[in-house]
Protein backbone atom coordinates (compact mmCIF):
# COMPACT_ATOMS: atom_id res chain seq x y z
CA MET A 1 22.88 -55.31 99.99
CA ALA A 2 20.26 -55.63 97.28
CA LEU A 3 19.03 -52.08 98.06
CA GLN A 4 22.53 -50.73 97.79
CA THR A 5 22.99 -52.40 94.44
CA LEU A 6 19.69 -50.90 93.06
CA LYS A 7 20.76 -47.40 94.32
CA ASP A 8 24.08 -47.69 92.59
CA THR A 9 22.40 -48.72 89.38
CA ASN A 10 19.98 -45.72 89.49
CA ASN A 11 22.95 -43.35 90.12
CA ARG A 12 24.65 -44.57 86.97
CA GLN A 13 21.72 -44.17 84.61
CA PRO A 14 21.97 -40.34 84.03
CA SER A 15 25.62 -40.73 83.12
CA LEU A 16 24.82 -43.35 80.63
CA ALA A 17 22.02 -41.36 78.99
CA PHE A 18 24.27 -38.31 78.72
CA LEU A 19 26.90 -40.43 77.04
CA VAL A 20 24.51 -41.84 74.49
CA LEU A 21 23.20 -38.32 73.61
CA THR A 22 26.62 -36.90 73.29
CA THR A 23 27.67 -39.76 71.01
CA LEU A 24 24.60 -39.27 68.77
CA ALA A 25 25.16 -35.59 68.51
CA LEU A 26 28.77 -36.06 67.51
CA LEU A 27 27.69 -38.59 64.89
CA ALA A 28 25.16 -36.13 63.48
CA MET A 29 27.67 -33.28 63.36
CA THR A 30 30.00 -35.58 61.50
CA VAL A 31 27.66 -37.44 59.19
CA LEU A 32 25.23 -34.71 58.09
CA PRO A 33 27.89 -32.37 56.60
CA VAL A 34 29.38 -35.34 54.84
CA SER A 35 25.89 -36.15 53.41
CA VAL A 36 25.33 -32.50 52.28
CA MET A 37 28.80 -32.30 50.80
CA ALA A 38 28.08 -35.62 49.02
CA GLN A 39 24.84 -34.24 47.48
CA GLU A 40 26.65 -31.07 46.38
CA ALA A 41 29.35 -33.17 44.84
CA ASP A 42 26.89 -35.34 43.00
CA ALA A 43 25.21 -32.18 41.73
CA GLU A 44 28.45 -30.82 40.35
CA VAL A 45 29.07 -34.15 38.66
CA LEU A 46 25.63 -34.02 37.04
CA VAL A 47 26.20 -30.41 35.95
CA ALA A 48 29.49 -31.31 34.36
CA GLU A 49 27.83 -34.15 32.44
CA GLY A 50 25.00 -31.84 31.51
CA ILE A 51 27.36 -29.23 30.09
CA VAL A 52 28.98 -31.90 27.89
CA ALA A 53 25.53 -32.82 26.52
CA TYR A 54 24.58 -29.15 26.14
CA ASP A 55 27.69 -28.38 24.10
CA ALA A 56 26.84 -31.34 21.89
CA GLN A 57 23.34 -29.82 21.38
CA ARG A 58 21.62 -32.82 23.07
CA TYR A 59 19.35 -30.38 24.90
CA ALA A 60 16.72 -32.89 26.11
CA GLU A 61 19.35 -35.13 27.69
CA ALA A 62 21.18 -32.17 29.21
CA ALA A 63 17.90 -30.81 30.66
CA VAL A 64 17.36 -34.10 32.56
CA LEU A 65 20.87 -33.97 34.07
CA PHE A 66 20.48 -30.26 35.10
CA SER A 67 17.05 -31.05 36.67
CA ARG A 68 18.58 -33.87 38.73
CA ALA A 69 21.43 -31.62 39.73
CA SER A 70 19.04 -28.86 40.78
CA ALA A 71 16.92 -31.33 42.82
CA ARG A 72 20.08 -32.45 44.77
CA ASN A 73 21.23 -28.82 45.24
CA PRO A 74 18.52 -26.17 44.64
CA ARG A 75 21.12 -23.39 45.12
CA ASN A 76 23.39 -24.62 42.37
CA GLY A 77 23.48 -21.59 40.07
CA ARG A 78 25.13 -23.36 37.11
CA ALA A 79 22.34 -26.05 37.12
CA LEU A 80 19.60 -23.40 37.12
CA TYR A 81 21.36 -21.38 34.44
CA TYR A 82 21.92 -24.26 32.00
CA LEU A 83 18.48 -25.73 32.69
CA GLY A 84 16.95 -22.47 31.48
CA LEU A 85 19.18 -22.38 28.43
CA CYS A 86 18.17 -25.95 27.53
CA HIS A 87 14.46 -25.02 27.67
CA LEU A 88 15.10 -21.93 25.58
CA ALA A 89 17.07 -23.91 23.00
CA GLN A 90 14.15 -26.30 22.63
CA GLY A 91 11.63 -23.53 22.28
CA GLN A 92 10.18 -24.19 25.72
CA ALA A 93 10.51 -20.60 27.01
CA ASP A 94 7.58 -21.00 29.50
CA GLN A 95 9.45 -23.87 31.16
CA ALA A 96 12.61 -21.77 31.26
CA LEU A 97 11.00 -19.18 33.54
CA ALA A 98 11.09 -21.19 36.72
CA PRO A 99 14.85 -22.01 36.83
CA LEU A 100 15.85 -18.58 35.49
CA SER A 101 13.63 -16.85 38.05
CA ALA A 102 15.30 -18.89 40.83
CA LEU A 103 18.70 -17.98 39.45
CA HIS A 104 17.77 -14.29 39.43
CA ALA A 105 16.64 -14.61 43.09
CA LEU A 106 20.03 -16.17 43.95
CA ARG A 107 22.01 -13.59 41.94
CA PRO A 108 19.85 -10.48 41.61
CA THR A 109 22.75 -8.30 40.31
CA ASP A 110 24.26 -10.73 37.83
CA PRO A 111 23.85 -9.34 34.29
CA GLU A 112 23.81 -12.82 32.76
CA ALA A 113 20.94 -13.94 35.06
CA ILE A 114 19.02 -10.80 34.40
CA TYR A 115 19.49 -11.05 30.65
CA GLN A 116 18.46 -14.67 30.29
CA LEU A 117 15.31 -14.14 32.36
CA GLY A 118 14.50 -11.12 30.20
CA VAL A 119 14.99 -13.19 27.10
CA ALA A 120 12.60 -15.87 28.50
CA TYR A 121 9.89 -13.26 29.20
CA PHE A 122 10.45 -11.86 25.77
CA ALA A 123 10.04 -15.29 24.17
CA THR A 124 6.75 -15.83 25.97
CA LYS A 125 5.58 -12.42 24.84
CA ASN A 126 5.41 -11.11 28.42
CA TYR A 127 6.90 -7.84 27.20
CA GLU A 128 5.92 -5.79 30.33
CA LYS A 129 8.16 -8.05 32.51
CA ALA A 130 10.89 -8.38 29.85
CA ALA A 131 11.36 -4.71 29.26
CA PRO A 132 12.81 -3.53 32.65
CA LEU A 133 15.21 -6.51 32.83
CA LEU A 134 16.56 -6.07 29.35
CA GLU A 135 16.79 -2.29 29.79
CA ASP A 136 18.90 -2.76 32.90
CA VAL A 137 21.41 -4.97 31.03
CA PHE A 138 21.32 -2.62 28.07
CA ARG A 139 22.50 0.26 30.20
CA LEU A 140 25.45 -1.84 31.32
CA GLU A 141 26.29 -3.74 28.20
CA PRO A 142 24.77 -2.06 25.13
CA ASP A 143 26.92 -4.14 22.72
CA ARG A 144 25.85 -7.53 24.09
CA ALA A 145 24.84 -9.82 21.26
CA ASN A 146 21.19 -9.48 20.27
CA LEU A 147 20.32 -7.14 23.11
CA GLY A 148 19.93 -4.13 20.85
CA PHE A 149 17.22 -5.87 18.93
CA TYR A 150 15.27 -6.99 22.00
CA VAL A 151 15.40 -3.50 23.52
CA GLY A 152 14.69 -1.79 20.20
CA PHE A 153 11.66 -3.99 19.55
CA LEU A 154 10.21 -3.36 23.01
CA ARG A 155 10.68 0.38 22.56
CA TYR A 156 9.06 0.21 19.18
CA ARG A 157 6.03 -1.51 20.69
CA GLN A 158 5.80 1.38 23.17
CA LYS A 159 5.84 3.83 20.17
CA ASN A 160 9.11 5.32 21.49
CA TYR A 161 10.45 5.40 17.94
CA ASP A 162 13.57 7.62 18.54
CA ALA A 163 14.78 5.35 21.35
CA ALA A 164 13.88 2.24 19.36
CA GLU A 165 15.98 3.40 16.39
CA ALA A 166 18.90 4.21 18.71
CA ALA A 167 18.87 0.67 20.28
CA LEU A 168 18.42 -1.13 16.92
CA SER A 169 21.32 0.88 15.39
CA VAL A 170 23.83 -0.52 17.89
CA ASN A 171 22.63 -4.19 17.79
CA ARG A 172 25.33 -6.83 17.23
CA SER A 173 24.42 -10.32 16.09
CA SER A 174 25.78 -13.24 14.19
CA ASN A 175 22.23 -14.67 13.72
CA GLN A 176 20.91 -13.92 10.27
CA ASP A 177 17.31 -13.89 11.37
CA ILE A 178 18.05 -11.42 14.26
CA ARG A 179 20.04 -9.23 11.92
CA GLN A 180 17.22 -9.07 9.42
CA LEU A 181 14.60 -8.40 12.07
CA THR A 182 16.84 -5.60 13.38
CA LEU A 183 17.05 -3.97 9.96
CA PHE A 184 13.34 -4.44 9.39
CA TYR A 185 12.25 -2.77 12.64
CA ARG A 186 14.82 -0.01 12.28
CA GLY A 187 13.33 0.69 8.82
CA LEU A 188 9.82 0.79 10.35
CA ALA A 189 11.01 3.15 13.08
CA LEU A 190 12.70 5.51 10.65
CA GLY A 191 9.58 5.36 8.41
CA VAL A 192 7.28 6.34 11.33
CA LEU A 193 9.70 9.21 12.17
CA GLY A 194 9.28 10.49 8.62
CA LEU A 195 12.79 9.64 7.46
CA SER A 196 11.63 7.95 4.25
CA GLU A 197 14.88 7.53 2.31
CA GLN A 198 16.77 6.25 5.34
CA ALA A 199 13.86 3.84 6.00
CA GLN A 200 13.86 2.56 2.48
CA ALA A 201 17.61 1.94 2.74
CA GLU A 202 17.15 -0.10 5.91
CA LEU A 203 14.34 -2.13 4.38
CA LEU A 204 16.47 -2.81 1.28
CA SER A 205 19.29 -3.93 3.61
CA ALA A 206 16.85 -6.29 5.25
CA GLN A 207 16.09 -7.89 1.91
CA ARG A 208 19.79 -8.32 1.00
CA VAL A 209 20.57 -10.07 4.28
CA GLN A 210 18.33 -13.03 3.66
CA PRO A 211 16.35 -12.63 0.37
CA SER A 212 14.32 -15.85 0.73
CA SER A 213 13.05 -15.31 4.26
CA PRO A 214 9.36 -14.73 5.07
CA ILE A 215 9.89 -11.19 6.29
CA THR A 216 11.17 -9.96 2.90
CA GLY A 217 7.68 -9.71 1.47
CA ALA A 218 6.55 -7.41 4.25
CA SER A 219 9.73 -5.44 3.90
CA VAL A 220 9.09 -4.82 0.22
CA ARG A 221 5.49 -3.97 0.84
CA ILE A 222 6.25 -1.28 3.38
CA GLN A 223 9.11 0.08 1.31
CA GLU A 224 6.59 0.60 -1.55
CA ALA A 225 4.17 2.22 0.84
CA LEU A 226 6.86 4.57 2.03
CA ALA A 227 7.79 5.49 -1.51
CA ALA A 228 4.11 6.00 -2.46
CA THR A 229 3.79 8.77 0.17
CA THR A 230 6.65 10.74 -1.53
CA ARG A 231 8.42 11.51 1.74
CA VAL A 232 12.00 12.70 1.55
CA THR A 233 14.77 13.49 3.98
CA ASP A 234 15.18 16.94 5.56
CA PRO A 235 17.56 18.41 2.89
CA GLN A 236 15.15 17.42 0.14
CA ARG A 237 11.50 17.87 0.85
CA LEU A 238 10.56 18.47 -2.75
CA ARG A 239 9.59 15.77 -5.26
CA LEU A 240 8.93 16.41 -8.85
CA GLN A 241 7.55 14.18 -11.68
CA LEU A 242 7.49 15.17 -15.36
CA ALA A 243 5.94 13.08 -18.17
CA VAL A 244 5.65 13.54 -21.90
CA GLY A 245 4.31 11.20 -24.58
CA GLY A 246 2.04 10.52 -27.55
CA TYR A 247 -1.22 8.66 -27.88
CA TYR A 248 -3.89 7.53 -30.36
CA ASP A 249 -7.56 7.78 -29.24
CA ASP A 250 -10.22 6.15 -31.43
CA ASN A 251 -13.12 8.00 -29.71
CA VAL A 252 -12.06 11.44 -28.52
CA ALA A 253 -15.58 12.86 -28.69
CA VAL A 254 -17.13 9.86 -26.91
CA ASN A 255 -19.47 9.08 -29.84
CA PRO A 256 -22.25 6.46 -29.04
CA ARG A 257 -21.98 3.02 -30.47
CA LYS A 258 -24.16 2.05 -33.52
CA SER A 259 -27.93 1.73 -32.61
CA SER A 260 -31.39 2.53 -33.99
CA ASP A 261 -31.71 5.65 -31.88
CA GLN A 262 -31.84 8.72 -34.02
CA VAL A 263 -30.11 11.05 -31.59
CA ALA A 264 -27.25 8.52 -31.07
CA GLU A 265 -26.82 8.05 -34.80
CA PHE A 266 -26.70 11.85 -35.30
CA LEU A 267 -23.89 12.10 -32.67
CA ARG A 268 -21.97 9.31 -34.37
CA SER A 269 -21.43 11.56 -37.36
CA ARG A 270 -18.85 13.66 -35.43
CA HIS A 271 -15.25 13.22 -36.19
CA THR A 272 -13.71 11.41 -33.28
CA GLN A 273 -10.38 9.66 -34.05
CA SER A 274 -7.08 11.43 -33.49
CA PRO A 275 -3.44 10.99 -32.46
CA GLY A 276 -2.17 13.49 -29.89
CA PHE A 277 0.40 14.57 -27.38
CA VAL A 278 0.12 14.41 -23.59
CA ALA A 279 2.15 16.17 -20.88
CA SER A 280 1.88 16.21 -17.18
CA ALA A 281 3.79 17.71 -14.18
CA ARG A 282 3.42 17.14 -10.52
CA GLY A 283 5.17 18.66 -7.45
CA ASP A 284 4.90 17.54 -3.84
CA TYR A 285 6.54 19.44 -0.95
CA ALA A 286 6.55 18.03 2.61
CA TRP A 287 6.23 21.38 4.45
CA TYR A 288 5.65 19.83 7.92
CA ARG A 289 7.05 16.76 9.59
CA ASN A 290 7.01 15.98 13.28
CA GLY A 291 7.55 12.36 14.31
CA PRO A 292 4.79 10.17 12.88
CA ILE A 293 2.88 13.22 11.52
CA GLU A 294 3.49 14.72 8.10
CA SER A 295 1.75 17.18 5.83
CA THR A 296 2.33 17.76 2.16
CA VAL A 297 1.24 20.30 -0.44
CA THR A 298 0.67 19.25 -4.02
CA TYR A 299 0.17 20.75 -7.42
CA SER A 300 -0.33 18.94 -10.73
CA TYR A 301 -0.91 19.96 -14.34
CA TYR A 302 -2.21 17.70 -17.13
CA GLN A 303 -2.63 18.50 -20.85
CA THR A 304 -3.72 16.58 -23.90
CA VAL A 305 -3.54 18.02 -27.46
CA ASN A 306 -5.35 16.25 -30.24
CA THR A 307 -3.41 16.80 -33.47
CA ASP A 308 -6.52 16.41 -35.63
CA SER A 309 -8.14 19.89 -35.73
CA GLY A 310 -11.56 18.31 -35.94
CA VAL A 311 -11.45 17.34 -32.31
CA GLY A 312 -9.44 20.29 -30.98
CA SER A 313 -12.35 21.38 -28.94
CA PHE A 314 -11.90 18.20 -26.82
CA ASN A 315 -8.34 19.04 -25.71
CA ILE A 316 -8.18 18.63 -21.93
CA GLN A 317 -6.27 20.87 -19.48
CA ASP A 318 -6.54 20.19 -15.75
CA HIS A 319 -5.01 22.06 -12.81
CA LEU A 320 -5.05 20.49 -9.30
CA ALA A 321 -3.91 21.79 -5.95
CA GLY A 322 -4.02 19.72 -2.77
CA LEU A 323 -3.16 19.46 0.91
CA SER A 324 -2.68 16.19 2.71
CA GLY A 325 -1.75 14.92 6.14
CA VAL A 326 -0.89 11.48 7.50
CA TYR A 327 -0.25 9.85 10.85
CA ARG A 328 1.75 6.59 10.97
CA GLY A 329 2.00 4.15 13.80
CA THR A 330 1.55 0.57 14.88
CA VAL A 331 -1.11 -1.59 16.56
CA GLY A 332 1.00 -4.17 18.29
CA THR A 333 3.45 -4.97 15.51
CA MET A 334 0.98 -4.11 12.69
CA PRO A 335 1.95 -0.83 10.87
CA TYR A 336 -0.83 1.49 9.86
CA GLU A 337 -1.25 4.91 8.19
CA ILE A 338 -4.30 7.16 8.60
CA GLY A 339 -4.58 10.24 6.45
CA THR A 340 -6.80 13.07 5.20
CA GLN A 341 -6.53 14.75 1.80
CA TYR A 342 -8.19 17.80 0.27
CA SER A 343 -7.88 18.80 -3.38
CA TYR A 344 -9.41 21.24 -5.79
CA ASP A 345 -9.15 20.80 -9.53
CA TYR A 346 -10.28 22.87 -12.44
CA MET A 347 -10.63 21.32 -15.91
CA LEU A 348 -10.87 23.06 -19.22
CA LEU A 349 -12.23 21.46 -22.42
CA GLY A 350 -10.97 23.20 -25.53
CA LEU A 351 -9.57 25.98 -23.21
CA ARG A 352 -13.05 26.70 -21.90
CA GLY A 353 -14.09 26.00 -18.31
CA PHE A 354 -15.73 22.58 -18.14
CA LEU A 355 -15.61 21.21 -14.57
CA SER A 356 -14.44 21.96 -11.07
CA ARG A 357 -14.23 19.51 -8.18
CA HIS A 358 -13.73 19.81 -4.42
CA THR A 359 -12.57 16.43 -3.06
CA VAL A 360 -12.02 15.23 0.48
CA THR A 361 -10.49 11.79 0.88
CA LEU A 362 -9.98 9.82 4.16
CA PRO A 363 -7.77 6.74 3.58
CA ALA A 364 -6.60 4.22 6.24
CA THR A 365 -3.95 1.66 5.31
CA PHE A 366 -3.06 -1.46 7.36
CA VAL A 367 -0.46 -4.19 6.99
CA PRO A 368 -2.09 -7.36 8.35
CA PRO A 369 -0.05 -10.42 9.25
CA ALA A 370 1.08 -12.80 6.53
CA VAL A 371 -0.36 -16.26 6.08
CA THR A 372 0.97 -19.44 4.41
CA LEU A 373 -1.20 -21.16 1.78
CA PRO A 374 -0.89 -24.70 0.39
CA ALA A 375 1.06 -24.75 -2.93
CA LEU A 376 1.17 -20.94 -3.02
CA GLY A 377 3.46 -20.42 0.02
CA ARG A 378 3.64 -17.21 2.01
CA MET A 379 1.10 -14.51 1.22
CA ASP A 380 1.59 -10.97 2.52
CA ASN A 381 -1.32 -8.51 2.80
CA LEU A 382 -2.00 -4.79 2.50
CA THR A 383 -5.48 -3.34 3.15
CA THR A 384 -6.77 0.20 2.43
CA LEU A 385 -10.14 1.56 3.58
CA LEU A 386 -11.34 4.64 1.85
CA TYR A 387 -14.01 7.34 2.15
CA ARG A 388 -14.26 10.08 -0.42
CA PHE A 389 -16.59 13.08 -0.70
CA GLN A 390 -16.65 15.09 -3.96
CA ARG A 391 -18.50 18.31 -4.93
CA LYS A 392 -18.71 18.54 -8.82
CA SER A 393 -19.73 21.67 -10.66
CA PHE A 394 -20.14 21.66 -14.45
CA PHE A 395 -19.99 24.91 -16.47
CA ALA A 396 -22.11 25.77 -19.55
CA GLU A 397 -24.74 23.15 -18.76
CA PRO A 398 -28.01 23.82 -20.63
CA GLY A 399 -29.97 23.41 -17.43
CA ASN A 400 -28.00 26.25 -15.78
CA ASN A 401 -29.73 28.87 -17.99
CA ASP A 402 -32.85 27.07 -19.26
CA ILE A 403 -35.32 25.53 -16.87
CA ARG A 404 -36.50 23.08 -19.58
CA PHE A 405 -33.16 21.26 -19.38
CA ALA A 406 -32.81 21.34 -15.53
CA PRO A 407 -33.11 17.46 -15.26
CA GLU A 408 -29.89 17.24 -17.38
CA SER A 409 -27.76 19.23 -14.94
CA ARG A 410 -24.73 17.17 -13.81
CA ASP A 411 -23.76 19.30 -10.79
CA ALA A 412 -23.62 16.83 -7.99
CA PHE A 413 -22.38 15.61 -4.54
CA ASN A 414 -20.74 12.24 -4.63
CA ASN A 415 -20.02 9.95 -1.62
CA MET A 416 -17.99 6.87 -1.93
CA VAL A 417 -16.80 4.15 0.55
CA GLY A 418 -14.52 1.37 -0.48
CA ILE A 419 -11.92 -1.27 0.45
CA LEU A 420 -8.90 -2.41 -1.53
CA HIS A 421 -6.82 -5.49 -0.59
CA ALA A 422 -3.48 -6.51 -2.05
CA PHE A 423 -2.34 -10.17 -1.92
CA ARG A 424 1.47 -10.37 -2.36
CA PHE A 425 3.39 -13.49 -3.21
CA ARG A 426 7.08 -14.49 -3.57
CA GLN A 427 8.55 -11.41 -2.02
CA ASP A 428 6.22 -9.22 -4.07
CA SER A 429 7.30 -10.68 -7.43
CA PHE A 430 3.54 -11.06 -7.96
CA ILE A 431 0.78 -8.86 -6.59
CA PHE A 432 -3.00 -9.41 -6.95
CA ARG A 433 -5.47 -6.73 -5.98
CA VAL A 434 -9.21 -6.87 -5.39
CA GLY A 435 -11.50 -4.07 -4.20
CA TYR A 436 -15.03 -2.94 -3.88
CA GLN A 437 -16.59 0.55 -3.78
CA HIS A 438 -20.13 1.80 -3.31
CA ASP A 439 -20.99 5.36 -4.37
CA THR A 440 -24.00 7.59 -4.57
CA GLU A 441 -24.36 10.68 -6.73
CA ALA A 442 -26.84 13.28 -5.59
CA ALA A 443 -27.10 15.36 -8.78
CA SER A 444 -29.02 18.55 -9.31
CA GLY A 445 -30.62 17.06 -12.45
CA SER A 446 -32.80 14.02 -11.89
CA SER A 447 -31.35 12.33 -14.92
CA PHE A 448 -27.90 11.98 -13.37
CA ALA A 449 -28.65 10.96 -9.75
CA TYR A 450 -27.51 7.31 -9.23
CA SER A 451 -26.41 4.61 -6.87
CA GLY A 452 -23.44 2.56 -7.97
CA ASN A 453 -21.25 -0.42 -7.12
CA ARG A 454 -17.75 -0.96 -8.45
CA LEU A 455 -15.63 -4.10 -8.48
CA GLN A 456 -11.90 -3.83 -8.93
CA VAL A 457 -9.32 -6.57 -9.73
CA GLY A 458 -5.75 -6.34 -10.94
CA GLY A 459 -2.31 -7.66 -10.79
CA GLN A 460 1.30 -6.86 -11.54
CA THR A 461 4.57 -8.68 -11.86
CA THR A 462 8.12 -8.14 -13.09
CA LEU A 463 9.27 -10.13 -16.09
CA PRO A 464 12.65 -11.88 -16.07
CA TRP A 465 13.80 -9.79 -19.05
CA TYR A 466 15.16 -6.18 -18.84
CA ASP A 467 13.31 -5.42 -15.53
CA VAL A 468 10.03 -4.99 -17.50
CA SER A 469 7.01 -4.70 -15.20
CA VAL A 470 3.57 -5.62 -16.31
CA ARG A 471 0.41 -4.28 -14.77
CA VAL A 472 -3.20 -5.19 -15.58
CA ASP A 473 -6.29 -3.61 -13.92
CA TYR A 474 -9.98 -4.28 -14.59
CA GLU A 475 -12.94 -2.42 -13.14
CA VAL A 476 -16.68 -2.76 -13.67
CA HIS A 477 -19.00 -0.09 -12.46
CA TRP A 478 -22.80 -0.78 -12.23
CA ARG A 479 -24.89 2.42 -12.00
CA ALA A 480 -28.57 2.42 -11.35
CA TYR A 481 -30.04 5.90 -11.94
CA ASP A 482 -32.75 6.97 -9.55
CA HIS A 483 -35.23 8.57 -11.88
CA THR A 484 -36.84 8.21 -15.28
CA GLN A 485 -35.03 9.99 -18.12
CA VAL A 486 -36.89 13.04 -19.40
CA ILE A 487 -35.28 13.57 -22.80
CA PHE A 488 -33.41 10.48 -24.15
CA LEU A 489 -35.23 7.25 -24.99
CA ASP A 490 -34.26 3.66 -24.07
CA GLU A 491 -33.67 0.88 -26.59
CA GLY A 492 -37.43 0.32 -26.85
CA GLY A 493 -38.21 3.93 -27.57
CA ARG A 494 -39.55 4.67 -24.08
CA LEU A 495 -38.57 7.05 -21.29
CA SER A 496 -37.23 4.83 -18.48
CA PRO A 497 -34.66 4.81 -15.66
CA ARG A 498 -31.11 4.57 -16.98
CA ARG A 499 -28.96 1.49 -16.23
CA ASP A 500 -25.25 1.59 -17.09
CA THR A 501 -22.48 -1.04 -16.85
CA GLU A 502 -19.08 0.50 -17.44
CA GLN A 503 -15.98 -1.70 -17.89
CA ASP A 504 -12.45 -0.28 -17.78
CA ILE A 505 -9.34 -2.20 -18.66
CA PHE A 506 -5.80 -0.85 -18.23
CA ILE A 507 -2.57 -2.59 -19.36
CA GLN A 508 0.95 -1.20 -18.89
CA LEU A 509 4.42 -2.35 -19.73
CA ALA A 510 7.15 -0.27 -18.08
CA ARG A 511 10.90 -0.38 -18.12
CA PRO A 512 13.38 1.84 -16.27
CA LEU A 513 15.90 3.39 -18.65
CA PHE A 514 18.19 5.29 -16.37
CA ARG A 515 18.14 6.25 -12.64
CA SER A 516 15.23 8.69 -12.99
CA LEU A 517 13.71 7.85 -16.43
CA THR A 518 10.94 5.24 -17.09
CA LEU A 519 9.45 4.29 -20.47
CA ALA A 520 5.92 2.97 -20.46
CA LEU A 521 3.51 1.60 -23.04
CA GLN A 522 -0.17 1.80 -22.01
CA TYR A 523 -3.53 0.66 -23.26
CA GLN A 524 -6.79 1.80 -21.79
CA GLY A 525 -10.21 0.51 -23.01
CA VAL A 526 -13.62 1.74 -21.92
CA LEU A 527 -16.84 -0.16 -22.70
CA ASN A 528 -20.00 1.43 -21.41
CA HIS A 529 -23.27 -0.41 -21.99
CA SER A 530 -26.47 1.46 -21.28
CA ASN A 531 -30.12 0.89 -21.93
CA ILE A 532 -30.17 4.54 -23.08
CA PRO A 533 -28.37 4.34 -26.48
CA VAL A 534 -26.98 7.90 -26.30
CA TYR A 535 -24.76 6.83 -23.35
CA GLY A 536 -23.51 3.55 -24.75
CA TYR A 537 -19.96 3.85 -26.19
CA ASP A 538 -16.55 2.22 -26.72
CA LYS A 539 -13.18 3.92 -26.41
CA ASN A 540 -9.63 2.73 -26.91
CA VAL A 541 -6.44 4.78 -26.12
CA PHE A 542 -2.85 3.69 -26.87
CA THR A 543 -0.18 5.72 -25.12
CA THR A 544 3.68 5.90 -25.03
CA LEU A 545 4.93 7.81 -21.96
CA LEU A 546 8.42 8.90 -20.80
CA THR A 547 8.55 9.87 -17.13
CA TYR A 548 11.32 11.72 -15.21
CA THR A 549 11.30 11.66 -11.41
CA TYR A 550 13.27 13.95 -9.15
């Protein structure tokens, strides 16, 4: 009986185990979906609360809610999307990459997911990853807000200036900063393409959008640089400038200042003061333009006429012809311009040949980033590096025909290297310049070979009355001549190496009269101190000039 009972018990055990397992499986099938559904529901509640906080611009609070929602349901697209937007709104673009990348993986064809991930990469300056994403959206929705700027900027960095201009021209934005940046980079792109007048129009528009913003200074700077290159649009490649005026010169003949040197005192007896007339003309023609490359031919004429017949032999006439070429581009977002120029000029003194010069110049101009200074505010920058070679030939030199005066021959090769930097403040309402040059003159005559150093400082501003602009420039040139003088004595009556310090000051007041006319009042002073009295002199010239520009 006991054995039978045990057997019956063993026979019932499999049935009981099966029943328990079946019950547990049914419970799991019922409870687990309910748990998952509960988590998804909780996530949706958190997302809804987060959206309320996001709309109220409480981005930090909203980010916490979206993070909790994403933790409960990692596949909740709205939580990932808004979490990325919260980080972007707080300037935390690097933290926005993870949720937006996850969203893009969930929805690889969704334009909104692609766009926001592209914006996040753009904000972190990962332009290589941003470009294909934003280009994809641009092909589908070219009028999406701000997209034209992002795509145009990326194309500009790739030096695809035509495509950059096309994207920037269709940009739509209600954001003042984005609108101004769009106009700014479109102006740069047009400038690189050689469309100077269009570029200047875009840069002027950039200033009008938000005149007090930091970018305005750079905009004005590049606008001036574009204007200085005298580029024009295709229908008008020619630029002309005509100027006429009068002057008074108190030392036309460059007489030495008073000294005990007999030769200098003899030269001082020459008549040297005279009023006079001045005229000049210049024409530039852009004969070749192809993208960032441009070449220009130039001719200029300059004439002075001293009305006092006693100094008529010092009337100057100069003819100059030149050819120049430039290449414009960017390094990152820093614009630059590299050029080469050749010119030949022939000068007559009293209608007799006096001097000819072959000149080769290699300039390179850069627009470095702006900086902010205490008390002074934003300071924009413009830097020019310069190399110049010049071959000078003087006519009717005594040493050309008489070996005794060979040391006095001024025919020479001159080499110069220099740098000029402009500091610009308050959207270029004030500009301060400082520069340095070193030059060497290898002259045929030993008396004129020298090594020199030149310091340049200057500034300009526009007065609040009648648009009058004021410019002041000062230069000092120290020249140490290589050899002992062979004819003229120093202050102690000895033959010694010549040492000169030449100071030049230039002051100009200018006011625009009409669209193409400008009236200018100018003063130029030259003070040359030399240990050889014959070469020490002072000179002051006062000029009134009316200039017409076409």
